[in-house]
Amino acid sequence: MIVEGLAPHSIEAAVRVIRAGQVLGMPTETVYGLAANACDDAAVAKIFQAKGRPAEHPLIVHVLSAAQVAHFAQQVPDFARALMQAFWPGPLTLILPRRDGVAAAAAGGQNSIGLRCPSHPVAQALLRACQEPAAGEPVWGLAAPSANQFGRVSPTTAVHVVGEFGESLLILDGGACSVGIESTIVDCTRGAPVVLRPGAISRCQVEAVAHQLPPQDMQLRTGPATAPRASGTLEAHYAPRAKVRLMDQRSLQTALDLLGADLDAGNTVIATYSRAVLRSPSTKLIRRRMPDDAGATAQQLFAVLREFDAQGARLIWVETPPDTPEWEGVRDRLERAAAA
């Protein structure tokens, strides 16, 4: 059931769902999440079950502000604090050493945990209401992976979430997500920030903040020697039902030229998503123009892939994004979708 996200009665209903150990759909600026109390292992198990997600694949925990980090993390390096100050609330997840006995299921059993402070007003309102003591023991964070079946295209509208889980799920409607792809993930357990998943906050932006710190604040601290598992970093992920193929502009046009009008005679519906204007005599070809701006492309990317599926496309041919820092997040999602 979709309800108006910022309406007081909607937030109240959502808090009741969370406190009852159930799950709900929650908007963030990146994508919609399937949320539950991060410290309730039984509730978190329902997220894994609903998504068909392996229990050892960790979830990101959403917190109201940097003040809640100490509830989940036993150690916060200076550079991680600097990243919080620079980019929170916003689309940045920090992986930190996890406190013993806290959110073990959400962390996939690891000794580290991914934390993020979302900027979406509905997410902020829900997190704030969950911490009000009048309703009982505060809920300090919400585990909220993308509200879709594991490995498939992430949802960026409330309607997308209904398509994944049906009408019975309570879904707070916050409109279309403004960022459109998942958060940048930075590992903060190895003494210096390491980007594990690109997103709207670029690698260059992360490095710029870290380099502002004195060398003594970047010294190695205790932590795992290897990178922890992180959300959305599997080789194949974010995939529509149709097969995605990345091609440069010339290869894409050549493939359409070879098919020519024969495309209309076949049963395979092809969709294209490109910055270049493509030529084809086919009347069956589904075309969407990719924006020239990386941010605009990220905002619409998952919605476009879902639209192609809905239109019956069997193949999705995408013009490879530029190999520049601002396009890294979009390129990452498309490469993982093509690997599925």
C-alpha atoms as a PDB file:
ATOM      1  CA  MET A   1       0.000   0.000   0.000  1.00  0.00           C
ATOM      2  CA  ILE A   2       1.458   3.332  -1.079  1.00  0.00           C
ATOM      3  CA  VAL A   3       0.953   6.200   1.365  1.00  0.00           C
ATOM      4  CA  GLU A   4       2.034   9.835   1.309  1.00  0.00           C
ATOM      5  CA  GLY A   5       5.524   9.763   2.757  1.00  0.00           C
ATOM      6  CA  LEU A   6       5.590  12.960   4.789  1.00  0.00           C
ATOM      7  CA  ALA A   7       2.027  12.788   6.129  1.00  0.00           C
ATOM      8  CA  PRO A   8       2.147  12.448   9.954  1.00  0.00           C
ATOM      9  CA  HIS A   9      -0.218   9.463   9.935  1.00  0.00           C
ATOM     10  CA  SER A  10       1.992   7.730   7.369  1.00  0.00           C
ATOM     11  CA  ILE A  11       5.117   8.170   9.497  1.00  0.00           C
ATOM     12  CA  GLU A  12       3.226   6.961  12.563  1.00  0.00           C
ATOM     13  CA  ALA A  13       2.062   3.856  10.704  1.00  0.00           C
ATOM     14  CA  ALA A  14       5.595   3.235   9.462  1.00  0.00           C
ATOM     15  CA  VAL A  15       7.033   3.448  12.983  1.00  0.00           C
ATOM     16  CA  ARG A  16       4.462   0.895  14.160  1.00  0.00           C
ATOM     17  CA  VAL A  17       5.517  -1.456  11.374  1.00  0.00           C
ATOM     18  CA  ILE A  18       9.200  -1.087  12.246  1.00  0.00           C
ATOM     19  CA  ARG A  19       8.604  -1.568  15.983  1.00  0.00           C
ATOM     20  CA  ALA A  20       6.512  -4.666  15.246  1.00  0.00           C
ATOM     21  CA  GLY A  21       9.524  -6.259  13.584  1.00  0.00           C
ATOM     22  CA  GLN A  22       8.159  -5.980  10.040  1.00  0.00           C
ATOM     23  CA  VAL A  23       9.501  -4.449   6.820  1.00  0.00           C
ATOM     24  CA  LEU A  24       8.355  -1.522   4.686  1.00  0.00           C
ATOM     25  CA  GLY A  25       9.303   0.434   1.580  1.00  0.00           C
ATOM     26  CA  MET A  26      11.238   3.654   2.249  1.00  0.00           C
ATOM     27  CA  PRO A  27      12.435   6.305  -0.201  1.00  0.00           C
ATOM     28  CA  THR A  28      15.960   7.658  -0.131  1.00  0.00           C
ATOM     29  CA  GLU A  29      17.664  10.050  -2.512  1.00  0.00           C
ATOM     30  CA  THR A  30      19.454   7.100  -4.153  1.00  0.00           C
ATOM     31  CA  VAL A  31      16.863   4.304  -4.527  1.00  0.00           C
ATOM     32  CA  TYR A  32      13.910   2.960  -2.536  1.00  0.00           C
ATOM     33  CA  GLY A  33      14.880   0.632   0.296  1.00  0.00           C
ATOM     34  CA  LEU A  34      13.231  -2.337   2.004  1.00  0.00           C
ATOM     35  CA  ALA A  35      13.616  -1.229   5.619  1.00  0.00           C
ATOM     36  CA  ALA A  36      13.576  -2.914   9.031  1.00  0.00           C
ATOM     37  CA  ASN A  37      15.063  -2.327  12.472  1.00  0.00           C
ATOM     38  CA  ALA A  38      18.785  -2.938  11.984  1.00  0.00           C
ATOM     39  CA  CYS A  39      19.185  -4.220  15.546  1.00  0.00           C
ATOM     40  CA  ASP A  40      16.340  -6.745  15.278  1.00  0.00           C
ATOM     41  CA  ASP A  41      17.911  -9.823  13.698  1.00  0.00           C
ATOM     42  CA  ALA A  42      14.520 -11.466  13.140  1.00  0.00           C
ATOM     43  CA  ALA A  43      13.237  -8.405  11.292  1.00  0.00           C
ATOM     44  CA  VAL A  44      16.419  -8.226   9.217  1.00  0.00           C
ATOM     45  CA  ALA A  45      15.945 -11.892   8.298  1.00  0.00           C
ATOM     46  CA  LYS A  46      12.623 -10.916   6.722  1.00  0.00           C
ATOM     47  CA  ILE A  47      14.476  -8.527   4.392  1.00  0.00           C
ATOM     48  CA  PHE A  48      16.770 -11.322   3.226  1.00  0.00           C
ATOM     49  CA  GLN A  49      13.810 -13.656   2.747  1.00  0.00           C
ATOM     50  CA  ALA A  50      11.703 -11.133   0.839  1.00  0.00           C
ATOM     51  CA  LYS A  51      14.550 -10.209  -1.506  1.00  0.00           C
ATOM     52  CA  GLY A  52      15.897 -13.731  -1.949  1.00  0.00           C
ATOM     53  CA  ARG A  53      19.238 -12.327  -0.827  1.00  0.00           C
ATOM     54  CA  PRO A  54      22.004 -14.506   0.676  1.00  0.00           C
ATOM     55  CA  ALA A  55      22.208 -13.903   4.430  1.00  0.00           C
ATOM     56  CA  GLU A  56      25.975 -13.378   4.292  1.00  0.00           C
ATOM     57  CA  HIS A  57      25.574 -10.472   1.853  1.00  0.00           C
ATOM     58  CA  PRO A  58      25.575  -7.404   4.143  1.00  0.00           C
ATOM     59  CA  LEU A  59      22.967  -4.654   4.263  1.00  0.00           C
ATOM     60  CA  ILE A  60      23.540  -0.918   4.613  1.00  0.00           C
ATOM     61  CA  VAL A  61      22.236   0.596   7.843  1.00  0.00           C
ATOM     62  CA  HIS A  62      20.672   4.055   7.597  1.00  0.00           C
ATOM     63  CA  VAL A  63      21.114   6.422  10.530  1.00  0.00           C
ATOM     64  CA  LEU A  64      19.686   9.844  11.318  1.00  0.00           C
ATOM     65  CA  SER A  65      23.036  11.599  11.755  1.00  0.00           C
ATOM     66  CA  ALA A  66      26.688  11.065  12.569  1.00  0.00           C
ATOM     67  CA  ALA A  67      25.714  11.050  16.252  1.00  0.00           C
ATOM     68  CA  GLN A  68      24.189   7.562  15.814  1.00  0.00           C
ATOM     69  CA  VAL A  69      27.350   6.040  14.352  1.00  0.00           C
ATOM     70  CA  ALA A  70      28.774   5.223  17.801  1.00  0.00           C
ATOM     71  CA  HIS A  71      25.844   2.878  18.430  1.00  0.00           C
ATOM     72  CA  PHE A  72      27.041   0.622  15.587  1.00  0.00           C
ATOM     73  CA  ALA A  73      30.773   1.312  15.116  1.00  0.00           C
ATOM     74  CA  GLN A  74      33.488   0.631  17.664  1.00  0.00           C
ATOM     75  CA  GLN A  75      36.035   2.831  15.920  1.00  0.00           C
ATOM     76  CA  VAL A  76      35.737   5.822  13.588  1.00  0.00           C
ATOM     77  CA  PRO A  77      38.957   7.042  11.922  1.00  0.00           C
ATOM     78  CA  ASP A  78      39.494  10.759  11.528  1.00  0.00           C
ATOM     79  CA  PHE A  79      39.179  10.543   7.749  1.00  0.00           C
ATOM     80  CA  ALA A  80      35.793   8.826   8.133  1.00  0.00           C
ATOM     81  CA  ARG A  81      34.599  11.678  10.348  1.00  0.00           C
ATOM     82  CA  ALA A  82      35.813  14.122   7.707  1.00  0.00           C
ATOM     83  CA  LEU A  83      33.840  12.261   5.036  1.00  0.00           C
ATOM     84  CA  MET A  84      30.703  12.356   7.199  1.00  0.00           C
ATOM     85  CA  GLN A  85      31.093  16.081   7.706  1.00  0.00           C
ATOM     86  CA  ALA A  86      31.594  16.655   3.982  1.00  0.00           C
ATOM     87  CA  PHE A  87      28.916  14.381   2.523  1.00  0.00           C
ATOM     88  CA  TRP A  88      26.301  13.483   5.160  1.00  0.00           C
ATOM     89  CA  PRO A  89      23.380  13.564   4.820  1.00  0.00           C
ATOM     90  CA  GLY A  90      23.928  12.217   1.325  1.00  0.00           C
ATOM     91  CA  PRO A  91      24.674   9.247  -0.934  1.00  0.00           C
ATOM     92  CA  LEU A  92      27.800   7.984   0.854  1.00  0.00           C
ATOM     93  CA  THR A  93      28.139   4.713   2.789  1.00  0.00           C
ATOM     94  CA  LEU A  94      31.074   4.204   5.139  1.00  0.00           C
ATOM     95  CA  ILE A  95      32.190   0.726   6.185  1.00  0.00           C
ATOM     96  CA  LEU A  96      33.459   0.802   9.769  1.00  0.00           C
ATOM     97  CA  PRO A  97      34.490  -1.749  12.426  1.00  0.00           C
ATOM     98  CA  ARG A  98      31.283  -3.057  14.018  1.00  0.00           C
ATOM     99  CA  ARG A  99      30.614  -3.092  17.735  1.00  0.00           C
ATOM    100  CA  ASP A 100      30.292  -6.612  19.125  1.00  0.00           C
ATOM    101  CA  GLY A 101      26.720  -7.772  19.573  1.00  0.00           C
ATOM    102  CA  VAL A 102      25.164  -5.040  17.437  1.00  0.00           C
ATOM    103  CA  ALA A 103      23.393  -5.579  14.082  1.00  0.00           C
ATOM    104  CA  ALA A 104      25.177  -8.856  13.336  1.00  0.00           C
ATOM    105  CA  ALA A 105      22.510 -10.059  10.890  1.00  0.00           C
ATOM    106  CA  ALA A 106      22.445  -6.738   9.020  1.00  0.00           C
ATOM    107  CA  ALA A 107      26.239  -6.925   8.695  1.00  0.00           C
ATOM    108  CA  GLY A 108      26.058 -10.382   7.166  1.00  0.00           C
ATOM    109  CA  GLY A 109      28.034 -11.758  10.115  1.00  0.00           C
ATOM    110  CA  GLN A 110      31.060  -9.555   9.397  1.00  0.00           C
ATOM    111  CA  ASN A 111      33.013  -7.575  11.977  1.00  0.00           C
ATOM    112  CA  SER A 112      32.381  -4.454   9.916  1.00  0.00           C
ATOM    113  CA  ILE A 113      29.184  -2.564   9.084  1.00  0.00           C
ATOM    114  CA  GLY A 114      28.081  -0.156   6.358  1.00  0.00           C
ATOM    115  CA  LEU A 115      26.469   3.067   7.614  1.00  0.00           C
ATOM    116  CA  ARG A 116      24.777   5.878   5.706  1.00  0.00           C
ATOM    117  CA  CYS A 117      22.834   9.015   6.579  1.00  0.00           C
ATOM    118  CA  PRO A 118      20.222   9.595   3.825  1.00  0.00           C
ATOM    119  CA  SER A 119      19.211  13.121   2.839  1.00  0.00           C
ATOM    120  CA  HIS A 120      15.682  12.309   1.629  1.00  0.00           C
ATOM    121  CA  PRO A 121      13.163  14.164   3.838  1.00  0.00           C
ATOM    122  CA  VAL A 122      10.904  11.099   4.190  1.00  0.00           C
ATOM    123  CA  ALA A 123      13.801   8.897   5.277  1.00  0.00           C
ATOM    124  CA  GLN A 124      14.910  11.585   7.721  1.00  0.00           C
ATOM    125  CA  ALA A 125      11.382  11.926   9.117  1.00  0.00           C
ATOM    126  CA  LEU A 126      11.059   8.158   9.611  1.00  0.00           C
ATOM    127  CA  LEU A 127      14.471   7.814  11.268  1.00  0.00           C
ATOM    128  CA  ARG A 128      13.690  10.737  13.576  1.00  0.00           C
ATOM    129  CA  ALA A 129      10.310   9.298  14.569  1.00  0.00           C
ATOM    130  CA  CYS A 130      11.845   5.874  15.224  1.00  0.00           C
ATOM    131  CA  GLN A 131      14.088   7.412  17.883  1.00  0.00           C
ATOM    132  CA  GLU A 132      11.357   9.162  19.838  1.00  0.00           C
ATOM    133  CA  PRO A 133      11.315   7.526  23.295  1.00  0.00           C
ATOM    134  CA  ALA A 134       7.573   8.063  23.743  1.00  0.00           C
ATOM    135  CA  ALA A 135       6.931   5.106  21.451  1.00  0.00           C
ATOM    136  CA  GLY A 136       9.263   2.738  23.319  1.00  0.00           C
ATOM    137  CA  GLU A 137      12.910   1.752  22.964  1.00  0.00           C
ATOM    138  CA  PRO A 138      14.565   3.902  20.261  1.00  0.00           C
ATOM    139  CA  VAL A 139      15.332   2.320  16.903  1.00  0.00           C
ATOM    140  CA  TRP A 140      18.847   3.574  16.169  1.00  0.00           C
ATOM    141  CA  GLY A 141      19.092   2.562  12.538  1.00  0.00           C
ATOM    142  CA  LEU A 142      17.227   0.988   9.644  1.00  0.00           C
ATOM    143  CA  ALA A 143      18.723  -1.728   7.499  1.00  0.00           C
ATOM    144  CA  ALA A 144      17.458  -0.849   4.046  1.00  0.00           C
ATOM    145  CA  PRO A 145      18.846  -2.500   0.912  1.00  0.00           C
ATOM    146  CA  SER A 146      17.203  -1.684  -2.392  1.00  0.00           C
ATOM    147  CA  ALA A 147      13.541  -2.741  -2.463  1.00  0.00           C
ATOM    148  CA  ASN A 148      13.795  -5.265  -5.282  1.00  0.00           C
ATOM    149  CA  GLN A 149      14.480  -8.941  -5.791  1.00  0.00           C
ATOM    150  CA  PHE A 150      18.162  -9.689  -5.282  1.00  0.00           C
ATOM    151  CA  GLY A 151      20.325  -8.866  -8.294  1.00  0.00           C
ATOM    152  CA  ARG A 152      17.584  -7.140 -10.264  1.00  0.00           C
ATOM    153  CA  VAL A 153      17.016  -3.495 -11.211  1.00  0.00           C
ATOM    154  CA  SER A 154      16.741  -1.189  -8.220  1.00  0.00           C
ATOM    155  CA  PRO A 155      13.473   0.767  -7.706  1.00  0.00           C
ATOM    156  CA  THR A 156      13.409   4.544  -7.963  1.00  0.00           C
ATOM    157  CA  THR A 157       9.649   5.086  -7.466  1.00  0.00           C
ATOM    158  CA  ALA A 158       7.053   3.705  -5.065  1.00  0.00           C
ATOM    159  CA  VAL A 159       5.271   2.027  -7.996  1.00  0.00           C
ATOM    160  CA  HIS A 160       8.454   0.091  -8.771  1.00  0.00           C
ATOM    161  CA  VAL A 161       8.397  -1.289  -5.209  1.00  0.00           C
ATOM    162  CA  VAL A 162       4.784  -2.428  -5.628  1.00  0.00           C
ATOM    163  CA  GLY A 163       5.872  -4.252  -8.773  1.00  0.00           C
ATOM    164  CA  GLU A 164       8.460  -6.138  -6.715  1.00  0.00           C
ATOM    165  CA  PHE A 165       6.534  -6.946  -3.535  1.00  0.00           C
ATOM    166  CA  GLY A 166       2.845  -6.270  -4.162  1.00  0.00           C
ATOM    167  CA  GLU A 167       0.187  -4.076  -2.594  1.00  0.00           C
ATOM    168  CA  SER A 168       0.367  -5.534   0.907  1.00  0.00           C
ATOM    169  CA  LEU A 169       3.691  -3.885   1.732  1.00  0.00           C
ATOM    170  CA  LEU A 170       3.485  -0.435   3.345  1.00  0.00           C
ATOM    171  CA  ILE A 171       5.422   1.956   1.104  1.00  0.00           C
ATOM    172  CA  LEU A 172       6.182   5.561   1.974  1.00  0.00           C
ATOM    173  CA  ASP A 173       5.963   7.549  -1.249  1.00  0.00           C
ATOM    174  CA  GLY A 174       8.687  10.146  -1.610  1.00  0.00           C
ATOM    175  CA  GLY A 175       8.469  10.684  -5.356  1.00  0.00           C
ATOM    176  CA  ALA A 176      11.129   9.706  -7.874  1.00  0.00           C
ATOM    177  CA  CYS A 177      14.596   9.382  -6.376  1.00  0.00           C
ATOM    178  CA  SER A 178      16.768  12.392  -7.167  1.00  0.00           C
ATOM    179  CA  VAL A 179      20.104  10.519  -7.434  1.00  0.00           C
ATOM    180  CA  GLY A 180      18.834   7.279  -8.967  1.00  0.00           C
ATOM    181  CA  ILE A 181      21.786   4.947  -8.324  1.00  0.00           C
ATOM    182  CA  GLU A 182      22.985   3.485  -5.041  1.00  0.00           C
ATOM    183  CA  SER A 183      25.412   5.244  -2.723  1.00  0.00           C
ATOM    184  CA  THR A 184      29.159   5.373  -3.070  1.00  0.00           C
ATOM    185  CA  ILE A 185      30.667   2.834  -0.638  1.00  0.00           C
ATOM    186  CA  VAL A 186      33.968   3.647   1.067  1.00  0.00           C
ATOM    187  CA  ASP A 187      35.844   1.090   3.159  1.00  0.00           C
ATOM    188  CA  CYS A 188      37.170   2.825   6.273  1.00  0.00           C
ATOM    189  CA  THR A 189      38.651  -0.267   7.958  1.00  0.00           C
ATOM    190  CA  ARG A 190      42.112  -0.216   6.379  1.00  0.00           C
ATOM    191  CA  GLY A 191      43.674   3.046   7.545  1.00  0.00           C
ATOM    192  CA  ALA A 192      42.800   5.023   4.418  1.00  0.00           C
ATOM    193  CA  PRO A 193      39.554   5.393   2.431  1.00  0.00           C
ATOM    194  CA  VAL A 194      39.070   2.798  -0.314  1.00  0.00           C
ATOM    195  CA  VAL A 195      36.141   3.133  -2.717  1.00  0.00           C
ATOM    196  CA  LEU A 196      34.415  -0.251  -3.094  1.00  0.00           C
ATOM    197  CA  ARG A 197      31.432   0.943  -5.135  1.00  0.00           C
ATOM    198  CA  PRO A 198      31.256   4.198  -7.129  1.00  0.00           C
ATOM    199  CA  GLY A 199      28.212   6.425  -6.993  1.00  0.00           C
ATOM    200  CA  ALA A 200      27.151  10.053  -7.204  1.00  0.00           C
ATOM    201  CA  ILE A 201      30.007  11.047  -4.888  1.00  0.00           C
ATOM    202  CA  SER A 202      33.076  10.430  -6.999  1.00  0.00           C
ATOM    203  CA  ARG A 203      36.373   8.841  -6.108  1.00  0.00           C
ATOM    204  CA  CYS A 204      38.005  12.235  -6.687  1.00  0.00           C
ATOM    205  CA  GLN A 205      35.702  13.891  -4.158  1.00  0.00           C
ATOM    206  CA  VAL A 206      36.495  11.236  -1.544  1.00  0.00           C
ATOM    207  CA  GLU A 207      40.229  11.597  -2.142  1.00  0.00           C
ATOM    208  CA  ALA A 208      40.027  15.394  -1.995  1.00  0.00           C
ATOM    209  CA  VAL A 209      38.507  15.305   1.501  1.00  0.00           C
ATOM    210  CA  ALA A 210      40.952  12.659   2.735  1.00  0.00           C
ATOM    211  CA  HIS A 211      43.967  14.576   1.446  1.00  0.00           C
ATOM    212  CA  GLN A 212      42.990  17.579   3.552  1.00  0.00           C
ATOM    213  CA  LEU A 213      43.960  15.636   6.688  1.00  0.00           C
ATOM    214  CA  PRO A 214      47.454  15.622   8.247  1.00  0.00           C
ATOM    215  CA  PRO A 215      49.462  12.394   7.660  1.00  0.00           C
ATOM    216  CA  GLN A 216      49.168  11.331  11.319  1.00  0.00           C
ATOM    217  CA  ASP A 217      45.378  11.207  10.935  1.00  0.00           C
ATOM    218  CA  MET A 218      45.708   8.653   8.124  1.00  0.00           C
ATOM    219  CA  GLN A 219      47.856   6.150  10.018  1.00  0.00           C
ATOM    220  CA  LEU A 220      46.814   2.509   9.861  1.00  0.00           C
ATOM    221  CA  ARG A 221      44.414   1.465  12.587  1.00  0.00           C
ATOM    222  CA  THR A 222      43.401  -2.037  13.577  1.00  0.00           C
ATOM    223  CA  GLY A 223      40.988  -3.618  11.127  1.00  0.00           C
ATOM    224  CA  PRO A 224      40.564  -6.463   8.657  1.00  0.00           C
ATOM    225  CA  ALA A 225      43.445  -6.943   6.235  1.00  0.00           C
ATOM    226  CA  THR A 226      41.184  -7.495   3.263  1.00  0.00           C
ATOM    227  CA  ALA A 227      38.175  -5.610   1.953  1.00  0.00           C
ATOM    228  CA  PRO A 228      34.900  -6.520   3.657  1.00  0.00           C
ATOM    229  CA  ARG A 229      31.959  -7.720   1.643  1.00  0.00           C
ATOM    230  CA  ALA A 230      29.811  -4.790   0.564  1.00  0.00           C
ATOM    231  CA  SER A 231      26.372  -4.279  -0.939  1.00  0.00           C
ATOM    232  CA  GLY A 232      26.041  -4.122  -4.713  1.00  0.00           C
ATOM    233  CA  THR A 233      29.572  -5.241  -5.527  1.00  0.00           C
ATOM    234  CA  LEU A 234      28.830  -8.598  -7.137  1.00  0.00           C
ATOM    235  CA  GLU A 235      30.079  -8.900 -10.713  1.00  0.00           C
ATOM    236  CA  ALA A 236      26.503  -9.399 -11.975  1.00  0.00           C
ATOM    237  CA  HIS A 237      23.891  -7.109 -10.470  1.00  0.00           C
ATOM    238  CA  TYR A 238      21.244  -4.453 -11.277  1.00  0.00           C
ATOM    239  CA  ALA A 239      19.970  -6.565 -14.173  1.00  0.00           C
ATOM    240  CA  PRO A 240      16.676  -6.247 -16.088  1.00  0.00           C
ATOM    241  CA  ARG A 241      15.029  -9.309 -17.606  1.00  0.00           C
ATOM    242  CA  ALA A 242      16.361  -8.314 -21.032  1.00  0.00           C
ATOM    243  CA  LYS A 243      20.003  -8.961 -21.894  1.00  0.00           C
ATOM    244  CA  VAL A 244      22.109  -5.793 -21.657  1.00  0.00           C
ATOM    245  CA  ARG A 245      25.015  -5.210 -24.020  1.00  0.00           C
ATOM    246  CA  LEU A 246      27.388  -2.241 -23.928  1.00  0.00           C
ATOM    247  CA  MET A 247      28.768  -0.947 -27.239  1.00  0.00           C
ATOM    248  CA  ASP A 248      30.544   2.122 -28.480  1.00  0.00           C
ATOM    249  CA  GLN A 249      28.643   4.441 -30.810  1.00  0.00           C
ATOM    250  CA  ARG A 250      30.136   3.006 -34.010  1.00  0.00           C
ATOM    251  CA  SER A 251      29.494  -0.633 -33.051  1.00  0.00           C
ATOM    252  CA  LEU A 252      25.931   0.172 -32.056  1.00  0.00           C
ATOM    253  CA  GLN A 253      25.157   1.858 -35.359  1.00  0.00           C
ATOM    254  CA  THR A 254      26.881  -0.953 -37.302  1.00  0.00           C
ATOM    255  CA  ALA A 255      24.743  -3.570 -35.530  1.00  0.00           C
ATOM    256  CA  LEU A 256      21.566  -1.679 -36.427  1.00  0.00           C
ATOM    257  CA  ASP A 257      22.722  -1.283 -40.045  1.00  0.00           C
ATOM    258  CA  LEU A 258      23.310  -5.040 -40.330  1.00  0.00           C
ATOM    259  CA  LEU A 259      19.827  -5.783 -39.031  1.00  0.00           C
ATOM    260  CA  GLY A 260      18.172  -3.116 -41.149  1.00  0.00           C
ATOM    261  CA  ALA A 261      14.490  -3.657 -41.839  1.00  0.00           C
ATOM    262  CA  ASP A 262      14.886  -7.353 -40.916  1.00  0.00           C
ATOM    263  CA  LEU A 263      14.457  -6.275 -37.310  1.00  0.00           C
ATOM    264  CA  ASP A 264      10.722  -5.843 -37.983  1.00  0.00           C
ATOM    265  CA  ALA A 265      10.410  -9.407 -39.253  1.00  0.00           C
ATOM    266  CA  GLY A 266      11.893 -11.059 -36.161  1.00  0.00           C
ATOM    267  CA  ASN A 267      10.427 -11.792 -32.755  1.00  0.00           C
ATOM    268  CA  THR A 268      13.223 -10.177 -30.769  1.00  0.00           C
ATOM    269  CA  VAL A 269      12.438  -6.661 -29.608  1.00  0.00           C
ATOM    270  CA  ILE A 270      15.539  -4.495 -29.274  1.00  0.00           C
ATOM    271  CA  ALA A 271      15.821  -1.300 -27.214  1.00  0.00           C
ATOM    272  CA  THR A 272      18.630   1.235 -27.461  1.00  0.00           C
ATOM    273  CA  TYR A 273      19.846   3.785 -24.919  1.00  0.00           C
ATOM    274  CA  SER A 274      22.457   6.100 -26.364  1.00  0.00           C
ATOM    275  CA  ARG A 275      23.748   9.633 -26.429  1.00  0.00           C
ATOM    276  CA  ALA A 276      24.268   9.402 -30.185  1.00  0.00           C
ATOM    277  CA  VAL A 277      21.319   9.725 -32.564  1.00  0.00           C
ATOM    278  CA  LEU A 278      20.974   6.290 -34.165  1.00  0.00           C
ATOM    279  CA  ARG A 279      19.596   5.473 -37.614  1.00  0.00           C
ATOM    280  CA  SER A 280      17.331   2.490 -38.278  1.00  0.00           C
ATOM    281  CA  PRO A 281      14.467   1.797 -40.711  1.00  0.00           C
ATOM    282  CA  SER A 282      12.823  -0.443 -38.121  1.00  0.00           C
ATOM    283  CA  THR A 283       9.465   0.525 -36.685  1.00  0.00           C
ATOM    284  CA  LYS A 284       9.866  -1.951 -33.805  1.00  0.00           C
ATOM    285  CA  LEU A 285      13.077  -0.517 -32.378  1.00  0.00           C
ATOM    286  CA  ILE A 286      12.553   1.068 -28.937  1.00  0.00           C
ATOM    287  CA  ARG A 287      14.769   4.121 -28.513  1.00  0.00           C
ATOM    288  CA  ARG A 288      15.606   6.294 -25.540  1.00  0.00           C
ATOM    289  CA  ARG A 289      18.208   9.021 -25.636  1.00  0.00           C
ATOM    290  CA  MET A 290      20.778   8.969 -22.858  1.00  0.00           C
ATOM    291  CA  PRO A 291      21.379  12.462 -21.408  1.00  0.00           C
ATOM    292  CA  ASP A 292      24.778  14.042 -21.964  1.00  0.00           C
ATOM    293  CA  ASP A 293      24.983  14.730 -18.227  1.00  0.00           C
ATOM    294  CA  ALA A 294      26.091  11.882 -15.943  1.00  0.00           C
ATOM    295  CA  GLY A 295      23.849  12.959 -13.067  1.00  0.00           C
ATOM    296  CA  ALA A 296      20.755  13.097 -15.253  1.00  0.00           C
ATOM    297  CA  THR A 297      21.569   9.666 -16.673  1.00  0.00           C
ATOM    298  CA  ALA A 298      21.997   8.176 -13.201  1.00  0.00           C
ATOM    299  CA  GLN A 299      18.669   9.627 -12.096  1.00  0.00           C
ATOM    300  CA  GLN A 300      16.753   7.904 -14.898  1.00  0.00           C
ATOM    301  CA  LEU A 301      18.892   4.812 -15.554  1.00  0.00           C
ATOM    302  CA  PHE A 302      17.006   2.181 -13.546  1.00  0.00           C
ATOM    303  CA  ALA A 303      13.626   3.572 -14.574  1.00  0.00           C
ATOM    304  CA  VAL A 304      14.655   3.310 -18.235  1.00  0.00           C
ATOM    305  CA  LEU A 305      15.768  -0.320 -17.825  1.00  0.00           C
ATOM    306  CA  ARG A 306      12.454  -1.150 -16.143  1.00  0.00           C
ATOM    307  CA  GLU A 307      10.572   0.642 -18.933  1.00  0.00           C
ATOM    308  CA  PHE A 308      12.375  -1.429 -21.576  1.00  0.00           C
ATOM    309  CA  ASP A 309      11.391  -4.622 -19.751  1.00  0.00           C
ATOM    310  CA  ALA A 310       7.773  -3.459 -19.571  1.00  0.00           C
ATOM    311  CA  GLN A 311       7.788  -2.784 -23.324  1.00  0.00           C
ATOM    312  CA  GLY A 312       8.875  -6.345 -24.060  1.00  0.00           C
ATOM    313  CA  ALA A 313      12.508  -5.738 -25.022  1.00  0.00           C
ATOM    314  CA  ARG A 314      14.617  -8.880 -25.172  1.00  0.00           C
ATOM    315  CA  LEU A 315      17.884  -7.081 -25.891  1.00  0.00           C
ATOM    316  CA  ILE A 316      19.014  -3.689 -24.557  1.00  0.00           C
ATOM    317  CA  TRP A 317      21.893  -2.087 -26.429  1.00  0.00           C
ATOM    318  CA  VAL A 318      23.519   0.724 -24.501  1.00  0.00           C
ATOM    319  CA  GLU A 319      26.150   3.169 -25.657  1.00  0.00           C
ATOM    320  CA  THR A 320      29.113   2.818 -23.298  1.00  0.00           C
ATOM    321  CA  PRO A 321      29.350   5.892 -21.037  1.00  0.00           C
ATOM    322  CA  PRO A 322      32.479   8.073 -21.157  1.00  0.00           C
ATOM    323  CA  ASP A 323      35.493   6.871 -19.187  1.00  0.00           C
ATOM    324  CA  THR A 324      35.556   9.910 -16.910  1.00  0.00           C
ATOM    325  CA  PRO A 325      35.171  10.218 -13.102  1.00  0.00           C
ATOM    326  CA  GLU A 326      31.678  11.695 -13.160  1.00  0.00           C
ATOM    327  CA  TRP A 327      30.366   8.736 -15.209  1.00  0.00           C
ATOM    328  CA  GLU A 328      31.967   6.043 -13.036  1.00  0.00           C
ATOM    329  CA  GLY A 329      28.793   5.228 -11.070  1.00  0.00           C
ATOM    330  CA  VAL A 330      26.627   4.861 -14.190  1.00  0.00           C
ATOM    331  CA  ARG A 331      29.303   2.827 -15.952  1.00  0.00           C
ATOM    332  CA  ASP A 332      29.621   0.513 -12.932  1.00  0.00           C
ATOM    333  CA  ARG A 333      25.860  -0.211 -12.849  1.00  0.00           C
ATOM    334  CA  LEU A 334      25.693  -0.881 -16.590  1.00  0.00           C
ATOM    335  CA  GLU A 335      28.729  -3.165 -16.569  1.00  0.00           C
ATOM    336  CA  ARG A 336      27.221  -5.229 -13.746  1.00  0.00           C
ATOM    337  CA  ALA A 337      23.850  -5.332 -15.516  1.00  0.00           C
ATOM    338  CA  ALA A 338      25.571  -6.551 -18.710  1.00  0.00           C
ATOM    339  CA  ALA A 339      27.399  -9.280 -16.756  1.00  0.00           C
ATOM    340  CA  ALA A 340      24.152 -10.866 -15.548  1.00  0.00           C
END
